[in-house]
Amino acid sequence: MTLNDLFLKAMSHQAYIDAMETHKENLLHIYHSFTTPEDNDFFKRIQDKKLRVIVLTEDWCGDAMMNIPILLHLAEKTNMEVRMLLRDSNLELMDQYLTNGKARSIPIFIFIDEDGKEIAKWGPRAEEVQHYVEEIRAELPDKEAEDYNEKHREVIQKMTETFKSDTKLWNVVYTSLKNTLSSMY
């Protein structure tokens, strides 16, 4: 199946949000709280490219919860249509976008042109967000430790709260997306 075919089969971003169960409120909070910078020249350059976006995602993913609302704002400013594919139902595509060649990390944003040709790929995290995640995960005990599962849940909760509220991280994501799209032209 081509990227164009996958785009056409994918659900609208609104259908995805409507069906969310885990992070819907958090995603909507970020969407309603984030303000896109004034980047009108950049928006015009991207709009002229007539791009579309395929998002590989899952509702339970905290990174998707933070990154998708920012992408949606960027898409609104540039008239990019965004469509969603659930990772776990699209492993053949996911396996073409593995992180470090092995991890099915999401979200993955695949930017395609009018012909369905991949123009750029972004995800699963902005570099600065990755550093934050590495720092917080460094606090975890060894996976064999008796309290590992409890501590892991605490780390996930802390990351979720940070992703939901840290506007600096939102701006880092926006800048990372902008840099990715700017580097293609």
N, C-alpha and C. Protein backbone atom coordinates (compact mmCIF):
# COMPACT_ATOMS: atom_id res chain seq x y z
N MET A 1 0.85 -1.19 0.00
CA MET A 1 0.00 0.00 0.00
C MET A 1 0.89 1.25 0.00
N THR A 2 0.57 2.20 -0.86
CA THR A 2 1.37 3.42 -0.94
C THR A 2 1.00 4.37 0.21
N LEU A 3 1.85 5.38 0.42
CA LEU A 3 1.53 6.38 1.44
C LEU A 3 0.23 7.11 1.09
N ASN A 4 0.00 7.33 -0.20
CA ASN A 4 -1.25 7.96 -0.62
C ASN A 4 -2.45 7.10 -0.23
N ASP A 5 -2.35 5.79 -0.48
CA ASP A 5 -3.42 4.87 -0.10
C ASP A 5 -3.65 4.88 1.40
N LEU A 6 -2.55 4.87 2.15
CA LEU A 6 -2.66 4.88 3.61
C LEU A 6 -3.29 6.17 4.11
N PHE A 7 -2.92 7.29 3.49
CA PHE A 7 -3.52 8.57 3.87
C PHE A 7 -5.03 8.52 3.65
N LEU A 8 -5.44 8.01 2.50
CA LEU A 8 -6.87 7.96 2.19
C LEU A 8 -7.62 7.02 3.12
N LYS A 9 -6.97 5.96 3.59
CA LYS A 9 -7.61 5.00 4.50
C LYS A 9 -7.64 5.51 5.95
N ALA A 10 -6.76 6.42 6.28
CA ALA A 10 -6.62 6.90 7.66
C ALA A 10 -7.84 7.71 8.09
N MET A 11 -8.05 7.76 9.41
CA MET A 11 -9.17 8.53 9.95
C MET A 11 -8.80 10.00 10.09
N SER A 12 -9.80 10.84 10.07
CA SER A 12 -9.57 12.27 10.30
C SER A 12 -9.05 12.47 11.72
N HIS A 13 -8.38 13.59 11.93
CA HIS A 13 -7.90 13.86 13.29
C HIS A 13 -9.08 14.01 14.25
N GLN A 14 -10.19 14.55 13.77
CA GLN A 14 -11.34 14.71 14.65
C GLN A 14 -11.94 13.37 15.04
N ALA A 15 -12.01 12.43 14.10
CA ALA A 15 -12.52 11.09 14.42
C ALA A 15 -11.62 10.42 15.45
N TYR A 16 -10.31 10.61 15.31
CA TYR A 16 -9.35 10.06 16.28
C TYR A 16 -9.60 10.66 17.67
N ILE A 17 -9.69 11.97 17.73
CA ILE A 17 -9.89 12.64 19.03
C ILE A 17 -11.23 12.21 19.64
N ASP A 18 -12.26 12.17 18.83
CA ASP A 18 -13.57 11.77 19.33
C ASP A 18 -13.56 10.37 19.94
N ALA A 19 -12.73 9.48 19.38
CA ALA A 19 -12.68 8.09 19.84
C ALA A 19 -11.71 7.88 21.00
N MET A 20 -10.95 8.90 21.35
CA MET A 20 -9.95 8.75 22.42
C MET A 20 -10.59 8.42 23.75
N GLU A 21 -9.90 7.60 24.54
CA GLU A 21 -10.36 7.26 25.88
C GLU A 21 -9.34 7.61 26.96
N THR A 22 -8.06 7.52 26.65
CA THR A 22 -7.04 7.69 27.69
C THR A 22 -6.60 9.14 27.88
N HIS A 23 -6.16 9.80 26.81
CA HIS A 23 -5.56 11.13 26.94
C HIS A 23 -6.35 12.24 26.25
N LYS A 24 -7.61 12.01 26.01
CA LYS A 24 -8.42 13.00 25.28
C LYS A 24 -8.43 14.36 25.98
N GLU A 25 -8.73 14.38 27.27
CA GLU A 25 -8.79 15.65 27.99
C GLU A 25 -7.45 16.37 27.99
N ASN A 26 -6.37 15.61 28.18
CA ASN A 26 -5.03 16.21 28.19
C ASN A 26 -4.68 16.78 26.81
N LEU A 27 -4.96 16.01 25.76
CA LEU A 27 -4.69 16.48 24.40
C LEU A 27 -5.48 17.75 24.11
N LEU A 28 -6.74 17.76 24.47
CA LEU A 28 -7.56 18.95 24.23
C LEU A 28 -7.10 20.13 25.07
N HIS A 29 -6.64 19.87 26.29
CA HIS A 29 -6.10 20.95 27.13
C HIS A 29 -4.91 21.60 26.43
N ILE A 30 -4.01 20.79 25.92
CA ILE A 30 -2.83 21.33 25.22
C ILE A 30 -3.28 22.07 23.96
N TYR A 31 -4.17 21.47 23.21
CA TYR A 31 -4.65 22.10 21.98
C TYR A 31 -5.23 23.49 22.28
N HIS A 32 -6.05 23.58 23.30
CA HIS A 32 -6.70 24.86 23.62
C HIS A 32 -5.75 25.85 24.31
N SER A 33 -4.65 25.37 24.85
CA SER A 33 -3.71 26.23 25.58
C SER A 33 -2.52 26.70 24.76
N PHE A 34 -2.17 25.95 23.72
CA PHE A 34 -0.99 26.28 22.91
C PHE A 34 -1.30 27.40 21.92
N THR A 35 -0.37 28.34 21.82
CA THR A 35 -0.49 29.42 20.85
C THR A 35 0.66 29.31 19.86
N THR A 36 0.33 29.22 18.60
CA THR A 36 1.34 29.14 17.55
C THR A 36 2.05 30.48 17.42
N PRO A 37 3.38 30.47 17.35
CA PRO A 37 4.11 31.72 17.13
C PRO A 37 3.73 32.37 15.79
N GLU A 38 4.01 33.65 15.67
CA GLU A 38 3.77 34.35 14.40
C GLU A 38 4.93 34.02 13.46
N ASP A 39 4.69 33.09 12.58
CA ASP A 39 5.70 32.63 11.61
C ASP A 39 5.11 32.67 10.21
N ASN A 40 4.54 33.80 9.83
CA ASN A 40 3.76 33.86 8.61
C ASN A 40 4.54 33.51 7.35
N ASP A 41 5.82 33.90 7.26
CA ASP A 41 6.62 33.54 6.09
C ASP A 41 6.79 32.02 6.00
N PHE A 42 7.08 31.40 7.14
CA PHE A 42 7.22 29.95 7.20
C PHE A 42 5.90 29.28 6.83
N PHE A 43 4.80 29.75 7.42
CA PHE A 43 3.49 29.17 7.12
C PHE A 43 3.19 29.23 5.62
N LYS A 44 3.48 30.36 5.00
CA LYS A 44 3.22 30.53 3.57
C LYS A 44 4.07 29.56 2.75
N ARG A 45 5.36 29.42 3.09
CA ARG A 45 6.24 28.50 2.35
C ARG A 45 5.71 27.07 2.42
N ILE A 46 5.28 26.67 3.62
CA ILE A 46 4.77 25.30 3.78
C ILE A 46 3.42 25.15 3.10
N GLN A 47 2.57 26.14 3.23
CA GLN A 47 1.25 26.08 2.59
C GLN A 47 1.41 25.90 1.08
N ASP A 48 2.37 26.59 0.48
CA ASP A 48 2.59 26.49 -0.96
C ASP A 48 2.99 25.09 -1.40
N LYS A 49 3.50 24.28 -0.48
CA LYS A 49 3.93 22.91 -0.80
C LYS A 49 2.75 21.92 -0.83
N LYS A 50 1.61 22.33 -0.30
CA LYS A 50 0.40 21.50 -0.30
C LYS A 50 0.65 20.11 0.30
N LEU A 51 1.23 20.12 1.49
CA LEU A 51 1.54 18.87 2.18
C LEU A 51 0.34 18.30 2.91
N ARG A 52 0.42 17.00 3.17
CA ARG A 52 -0.55 16.30 4.01
C ARG A 52 0.27 15.51 5.03
N VAL A 53 -0.39 15.08 6.10
CA VAL A 53 0.35 14.40 7.17
C VAL A 53 -0.37 13.11 7.57
N ILE A 54 0.41 12.03 7.63
CA ILE A 54 -0.06 10.78 8.21
C ILE A 54 0.57 10.70 9.60
N VAL A 55 -0.26 10.48 10.61
CA VAL A 55 0.23 10.37 11.98
C VAL A 55 0.03 8.93 12.45
N LEU A 56 1.13 8.29 12.81
CA LEU A 56 1.06 6.98 13.48
C LEU A 56 0.98 7.25 14.96
N THR A 57 -0.05 6.76 15.63
CA THR A 57 -0.29 7.13 17.01
C THR A 57 -1.09 6.06 17.73
N GLU A 58 -1.23 6.24 19.01
CA GLU A 58 -2.16 5.47 19.87
C GLU A 58 -2.60 6.41 20.99
N ASP A 59 -3.81 6.23 21.46
CA ASP A 59 -4.42 7.07 22.48
C ASP A 59 -3.65 7.06 23.80
N TRP A 60 -3.01 5.95 24.15
CA TRP A 60 -2.34 5.83 25.44
C TRP A 60 -0.98 6.53 25.48
N CYS A 61 -0.51 7.02 24.36
CA CYS A 61 0.85 7.56 24.26
C CYS A 61 0.92 9.01 24.74
N GLY A 62 1.72 9.25 25.77
CA GLY A 62 1.90 10.60 26.31
C GLY A 62 2.59 11.54 25.33
N ASP A 63 3.54 11.01 24.56
CA ASP A 63 4.20 11.86 23.56
C ASP A 63 3.19 12.32 22.51
N ALA A 64 2.32 11.41 22.06
CA ALA A 64 1.29 11.78 21.10
C ALA A 64 0.35 12.82 21.70
N MET A 65 0.01 12.65 22.96
CA MET A 65 -0.87 13.58 23.66
C MET A 65 -0.32 15.01 23.57
N MET A 66 1.01 15.16 23.69
CA MET A 66 1.62 16.49 23.65
C MET A 66 1.89 16.96 22.22
N ASN A 67 2.36 16.08 21.37
CA ASN A 67 2.83 16.50 20.05
C ASN A 67 1.70 16.74 19.04
N ILE A 68 0.65 15.94 19.10
CA ILE A 68 -0.42 16.06 18.12
C ILE A 68 -1.12 17.42 18.17
N PRO A 69 -1.44 17.98 19.33
CA PRO A 69 -2.10 19.29 19.32
C PRO A 69 -1.23 20.37 18.68
N ILE A 70 0.06 20.27 18.86
CA ILE A 70 0.97 21.26 18.27
C ILE A 70 1.00 21.09 16.76
N LEU A 71 1.05 19.84 16.30
CA LEU A 71 0.97 19.58 14.87
C LEU A 71 -0.34 20.11 14.30
N LEU A 72 -1.44 19.91 15.00
CA LEU A 72 -2.74 20.37 14.51
C LEU A 72 -2.77 21.89 14.34
N HIS A 73 -2.16 22.61 15.28
CA HIS A 73 -2.08 24.07 15.12
C HIS A 73 -1.26 24.43 13.89
N LEU A 74 -0.12 23.78 13.72
CA LEU A 74 0.72 24.03 12.56
C LEU A 74 -0.04 23.70 11.27
N ALA A 75 -0.77 22.61 11.28
CA ALA A 75 -1.54 22.20 10.11
C ALA A 75 -2.61 23.23 9.77
N GLU A 76 -3.25 23.78 10.78
CA GLU A 76 -4.27 24.81 10.54
C GLU A 76 -3.67 26.04 9.88
N LYS A 77 -2.48 26.41 10.31
CA LYS A 77 -1.82 27.60 9.76
C LYS A 77 -1.32 27.38 8.33
N THR A 78 -1.14 26.12 7.94
CA THR A 78 -0.52 25.82 6.64
C THR A 78 -1.44 25.03 5.72
N ASN A 79 -2.67 24.82 6.13
CA ASN A 79 -3.66 24.06 5.36
C ASN A 79 -3.21 22.63 5.06
N MET A 80 -2.53 22.01 5.99
CA MET A 80 -2.16 20.60 5.83
C MET A 80 -3.28 19.75 6.41
N GLU A 81 -3.74 18.78 5.65
CA GLU A 81 -4.72 17.84 6.18
C GLU A 81 -3.98 16.77 6.97
N VAL A 82 -4.46 16.50 8.17
CA VAL A 82 -3.84 15.53 9.07
C VAL A 82 -4.78 14.34 9.21
N ARG A 83 -4.23 13.15 9.00
CA ARG A 83 -5.01 11.92 9.18
C ARG A 83 -4.23 10.97 10.08
N MET A 84 -4.98 10.16 10.82
CA MET A 84 -4.40 9.31 11.85
C MET A 84 -4.53 7.83 11.51
N LEU A 85 -3.43 7.12 11.78
CA LEU A 85 -3.42 5.65 11.71
C LEU A 85 -2.98 5.13 13.06
N LEU A 86 -3.70 4.16 13.57
CA LEU A 86 -3.30 3.56 14.83
C LEU A 86 -2.10 2.65 14.60
N ARG A 87 -1.08 2.85 15.40
CA ARG A 87 0.16 2.10 15.24
C ARG A 87 -0.08 0.60 15.27
N ASP A 88 -0.80 0.13 16.26
CA ASP A 88 -0.93 -1.31 16.48
C ASP A 88 -1.73 -2.00 15.38
N SER A 89 -2.46 -1.24 14.59
CA SER A 89 -3.20 -1.80 13.45
C SER A 89 -2.46 -1.60 12.13
N ASN A 90 -1.31 -0.96 12.20
CA ASN A 90 -0.55 -0.63 11.00
C ASN A 90 0.94 -0.90 11.20
N LEU A 91 1.25 -2.09 11.71
CA LEU A 91 2.64 -2.42 12.05
C LEU A 91 3.54 -2.48 10.82
N GLU A 92 2.99 -2.83 9.67
CA GLU A 92 3.82 -2.87 8.46
C GLU A 92 4.38 -1.48 8.16
N LEU A 93 3.54 -0.46 8.27
CA LEU A 93 4.01 0.91 8.07
C LEU A 93 4.90 1.33 9.24
N MET A 94 4.47 1.05 10.46
CA MET A 94 5.25 1.42 11.64
C MET A 94 6.67 0.88 11.54
N ASP A 95 6.82 -0.33 11.08
CA ASP A 95 8.14 -0.96 11.03
C ASP A 95 9.06 -0.31 10.01
N GLN A 96 8.53 0.57 9.18
CA GLN A 96 9.36 1.35 8.27
C GLN A 96 9.89 2.61 8.94
N TYR A 97 9.40 2.91 10.15
CA TYR A 97 9.75 4.14 10.86
C TYR A 97 10.21 3.86 12.29
N LEU A 98 10.93 2.79 12.48
CA LEU A 98 11.39 2.40 13.81
C LEU A 98 12.38 3.43 14.34
N THR A 99 12.32 3.69 15.63
CA THR A 99 13.28 4.55 16.29
C THR A 99 14.52 3.72 16.60
N ASN A 100 15.66 4.24 16.20
CA ASN A 100 16.94 3.54 16.37
C ASN A 100 16.91 2.14 15.75
N GLY A 101 16.09 1.98 14.72
CA GLY A 101 16.04 0.72 13.99
C GLY A 101 15.36 -0.42 14.72
N LYS A 102 14.77 -0.15 15.90
CA LYS A 102 14.18 -1.26 16.65
C LYS A 102 12.91 -0.93 17.42
N ALA A 103 12.69 0.29 17.83
CA ALA A 103 11.55 0.62 18.70
C ALA A 103 10.38 1.20 17.91
N ARG A 104 9.20 0.72 18.21
CA ARG A 104 7.97 1.22 17.58
C ARG A 104 7.45 2.45 18.34
N SER A 105 8.31 3.43 18.50
CA SER A 105 7.98 4.64 19.25
C SER A 105 7.09 5.55 18.43
N ILE A 106 6.14 6.15 19.10
CA ILE A 106 5.19 7.05 18.46
C ILE A 106 5.07 8.34 19.27
N PRO A 107 4.54 9.37 18.66
CA PRO A 107 3.96 9.44 17.33
C PRO A 107 5.03 9.61 16.26
N ILE A 108 4.68 9.23 15.06
CA ILE A 108 5.49 9.49 13.87
C ILE A 108 4.62 10.31 12.94
N PHE A 109 5.16 11.44 12.49
CA PHE A 109 4.46 12.31 11.54
C PHE A 109 5.14 12.14 10.18
N ILE A 110 4.39 11.66 9.19
CA ILE A 110 4.93 11.46 7.85
C ILE A 110 4.30 12.52 6.95
N PHE A 111 5.13 13.45 6.48
CA PHE A 111 4.65 14.54 5.63
C PHE A 111 4.78 14.09 4.18
N ILE A 112 3.66 14.16 3.44
CA ILE A 112 3.66 13.73 2.05
C ILE A 112 3.17 14.86 1.15
N ASP A 113 3.61 14.81 -0.10
CA ASP A 113 3.16 15.82 -1.06
C ASP A 113 1.86 15.36 -1.74
N GLU A 114 1.44 16.12 -2.73
CA GLU A 114 0.18 15.82 -3.42
C GLU A 114 0.19 14.47 -4.11
N ASP A 115 1.39 14.02 -4.50
CA ASP A 115 1.52 12.73 -5.19
C ASP A 115 1.68 11.56 -4.21
N GLY A 116 1.74 11.86 -2.93
CA GLY A 116 1.91 10.80 -1.93
C GLY A 116 3.36 10.45 -1.66
N LYS A 117 4.27 11.28 -2.13
CA LYS A 117 5.70 11.06 -1.89
C LYS A 117 6.09 11.62 -0.52
N GLU A 118 6.85 10.84 0.25
CA GLU A 118 7.30 11.32 1.55
C GLU A 118 8.27 12.47 1.36
N ILE A 119 7.97 13.57 2.06
CA ILE A 119 8.81 14.77 1.99
C ILE A 119 9.63 14.90 3.26
N ALA A 120 9.05 14.53 4.39
CA ALA A 120 9.76 14.63 5.67
C ALA A 120 9.09 13.69 6.66
N LYS A 121 9.84 13.37 7.72
CA LYS A 121 9.34 12.53 8.80
C LYS A 121 9.77 13.19 10.11
N TRP A 122 8.89 13.17 11.09
CA TRP A 122 9.22 13.72 12.40
C TRP A 122 8.70 12.77 13.46
N GLY A 123 9.46 12.65 14.54
CA GLY A 123 8.98 11.90 15.69
C GLY A 123 10.00 10.88 16.14
N PRO A 124 9.77 10.33 17.29
CA PRO A 124 8.61 10.48 18.16
C PRO A 124 8.72 11.67 19.13
N ARG A 125 9.94 12.22 19.26
CA ARG A 125 10.12 13.33 20.21
C ARG A 125 11.08 14.37 19.66
N ALA A 126 10.90 15.59 20.12
CA ALA A 126 11.92 16.62 19.91
C ALA A 126 13.14 16.25 20.77
N GLU A 127 14.31 16.64 20.31
CA GLU A 127 15.54 16.26 21.00
C GLU A 127 15.56 16.68 22.47
N GLU A 128 15.14 17.90 22.76
CA GLU A 128 15.14 18.37 24.15
C GLU A 128 14.16 17.59 25.02
N VAL A 129 13.05 17.17 24.44
CA VAL A 129 12.08 16.34 25.17
C VAL A 129 12.71 14.98 25.44
N GLN A 130 13.45 14.46 24.47
CA GLN A 130 14.14 13.18 24.67
C GLN A 130 15.12 13.27 25.84
N HIS A 131 15.84 14.38 25.94
CA HIS A 131 16.78 14.56 27.06
C HIS A 131 16.03 14.56 28.40
N TYR A 132 14.89 15.25 28.44
CA TYR A 132 14.07 15.27 29.66
C TYR A 132 13.66 13.85 30.03
N VAL A 133 13.17 13.08 29.05
CA VAL A 133 12.71 11.71 29.31
C VAL A 133 13.88 10.85 29.81
N GLU A 134 15.03 11.00 29.20
CA GLU A 134 16.20 10.23 29.65
C GLU A 134 16.58 10.57 31.08
N GLU A 135 16.52 11.85 31.43
CA GLU A 135 16.85 12.28 32.80
C GLU A 135 15.88 11.68 33.81
N ILE A 136 14.60 11.77 33.52
CA ILE A 136 13.61 11.28 34.49
C ILE A 136 13.66 9.76 34.59
N ARG A 137 13.91 9.08 33.47
CA ARG A 137 14.02 7.62 33.51
C ARG A 137 15.28 7.15 34.21
N ALA A 138 16.28 7.99 34.28
CA ALA A 138 17.52 7.64 34.97
C ALA A 138 17.28 7.42 36.46
N GLU A 139 16.18 7.96 36.96
CA GLU A 139 15.83 7.81 38.38
C GLU A 139 15.23 6.43 38.68
N LEU A 140 14.86 5.69 37.64
CA LEU A 140 14.23 4.39 37.85
C LEU A 140 15.21 3.36 38.39
N PRO A 141 14.74 2.49 39.27
CA PRO A 141 15.58 1.38 39.72
C PRO A 141 15.74 0.36 38.60
N ASP A 142 16.62 -0.59 38.78
CA ASP A 142 16.81 -1.67 37.82
C ASP A 142 15.48 -2.38 37.59
N LYS A 143 15.25 -2.87 36.35
CA LYS A 143 13.98 -3.53 36.02
C LYS A 143 13.70 -4.74 36.89
N GLU A 144 14.72 -5.31 37.48
CA GLU A 144 14.55 -6.48 38.35
C GLU A 144 14.18 -6.10 39.78
N ALA A 145 14.27 -4.81 40.10
CA ALA A 145 13.98 -4.35 41.46
C ALA A 145 12.50 -4.58 41.79
N GLU A 146 12.26 -4.86 43.06
CA GLU A 146 10.91 -5.15 43.53
C GLU A 146 9.95 -3.99 43.31
N ASP A 147 10.45 -2.76 43.43
CA ASP A 147 9.59 -1.59 43.30
C ASP A 147 9.63 -0.96 41.90
N TYR A 148 10.20 -1.66 40.93
CA TYR A 148 10.34 -1.09 39.58
C TYR A 148 8.98 -0.68 39.00
N ASN A 149 7.99 -1.56 39.03
CA ASN A 149 6.70 -1.25 38.42
C ASN A 149 6.05 -0.02 39.04
N GLU A 150 6.12 0.07 40.35
CA GLU A 150 5.55 1.23 41.05
C GLU A 150 6.29 2.51 40.64
N LYS A 151 7.60 2.46 40.65
CA LYS A 151 8.41 3.64 40.29
C LYS A 151 8.19 4.01 38.82
N HIS A 152 8.05 3.00 37.97
CA HIS A 152 7.81 3.26 36.55
C HIS A 152 6.48 3.99 36.36
N ARG A 153 5.43 3.55 37.06
CA ARG A 153 4.14 4.24 36.99
C ARG A 153 4.27 5.69 37.46
N GLU A 154 5.05 5.91 38.51
CA GLU A 154 5.26 7.28 39.01
C GLU A 154 5.96 8.15 37.96
N VAL A 155 6.94 7.58 37.29
CA VAL A 155 7.67 8.32 36.25
C VAL A 155 6.72 8.66 35.09
N ILE A 156 5.92 7.70 34.67
CA ILE A 156 4.96 7.94 33.59
C ILE A 156 3.99 9.05 33.99
N GLN A 157 3.50 9.01 35.22
CA GLN A 157 2.58 10.03 35.71
C GLN A 157 3.25 11.41 35.72
N LYS A 158 4.50 11.46 36.17
CA LYS A 158 5.24 12.73 36.21
C LYS A 158 5.46 13.26 34.78
N MET A 159 5.82 12.38 33.85
CA MET A 159 6.01 12.80 32.47
C MET A 159 4.69 13.31 31.88
N THR A 160 3.61 12.62 32.13
CA THR A 160 2.30 13.03 31.61
C THR A 160 1.94 14.42 32.12
N GLU A 161 2.11 14.64 33.42
CA GLU A 161 1.80 15.96 33.99
C GLU A 161 2.69 17.05 33.40
N THR A 162 3.97 16.74 33.21
CA THR A 162 4.88 17.72 32.62
C THR A 162 4.49 18.00 31.17
N PHE A 163 4.24 16.95 30.40
CA PHE A 163 3.84 17.14 29.01
C PHE A 163 2.56 17.96 28.91
N LYS A 164 1.67 17.78 29.86
CA LYS A 164 0.38 18.48 29.85
C LYS A 164 0.52 19.96 30.21
N SER A 165 1.54 20.31 30.98
CA SER A 165 1.58 21.66 31.53
C SER A 165 2.80 22.50 31.15
N ASP A 166 3.85 21.91 30.65
CA ASP A 166 5.10 22.65 30.42
C ASP A 166 5.08 23.31 29.04
N THR A 167 4.73 24.58 29.01
CA THR A 167 4.63 25.30 27.73
C THR A 167 5.99 25.42 27.05
N LYS A 168 7.05 25.38 27.81
CA LYS A 168 8.39 25.41 27.20
C LYS A 168 8.59 24.18 26.32
N LEU A 169 8.17 23.01 26.80
CA LEU A 169 8.28 21.80 25.99
C LEU A 169 7.40 21.89 24.74
N TRP A 170 6.22 22.48 24.87
CA TRP A 170 5.36 22.64 23.70
C TRP A 170 6.07 23.46 22.62
N ASN A 171 6.73 24.53 23.05
CA ASN A 171 7.45 25.39 22.10
C ASN A 171 8.65 24.67 21.50
N VAL A 172 9.28 23.80 22.29
CA VAL A 172 10.38 22.99 21.77
C VAL A 172 9.87 22.07 20.66
N VAL A 173 8.72 21.46 20.87
CA VAL A 173 8.11 20.59 19.86
C VAL A 173 7.80 21.39 18.60
N TYR A 174 7.19 22.56 18.76
CA TYR A 174 6.87 23.40 17.62
C TYR A 174 8.14 23.74 16.83
N THR A 175 9.18 24.16 17.53
CA THR A 175 10.44 24.53 16.86
C THR A 175 11.05 23.34 16.14
N SER A 176 10.99 22.18 16.76
CA SER A 176 11.52 20.98 16.13
C SER A 176 10.75 20.65 14.85
N LEU A 177 9.43 20.74 14.90
CA LEU A 177 8.61 20.51 13.70
C LEU A 177 8.95 21.55 12.62
N LYS A 178 9.07 22.79 13.03
CA LYS A 178 9.40 23.86 12.08
C LYS A 178 10.76 23.60 11.43
N ASN A 179 11.74 23.22 12.23
CA ASN A 179 13.07 22.95 11.69
C ASN A 179 13.06 21.79 10.71
N THR A 180 12.30 20.74 11.04
CA THR A 180 12.19 19.59 10.14
C THR A 180 11.58 20.01 8.80
N LEU A 181 10.51 20.76 8.86
CA LEU A 181 9.85 21.18 7.62
C LEU A 181 10.67 22.22 6.86
N SER A 182 11.38 23.09 7.58
CA SER A 182 12.21 24.09 6.93
C SER A 182 13.40 23.46 6.22
N SER A 183 13.90 22.37 6.78
CA SER A 183 15.10 21.74 6.21
C SER A 183 14.82 21.03 4.89
N MET A 184 13.56 20.82 4.57
CA MET A 184 13.25 20.14 3.31
C MET A 184 13.28 21.09 2.12
N TYR A 185 13.34 22.41 2.37
CA TYR A 185 13.31 23.35 1.25
C TYR A 185 14.43 24.35 1.35
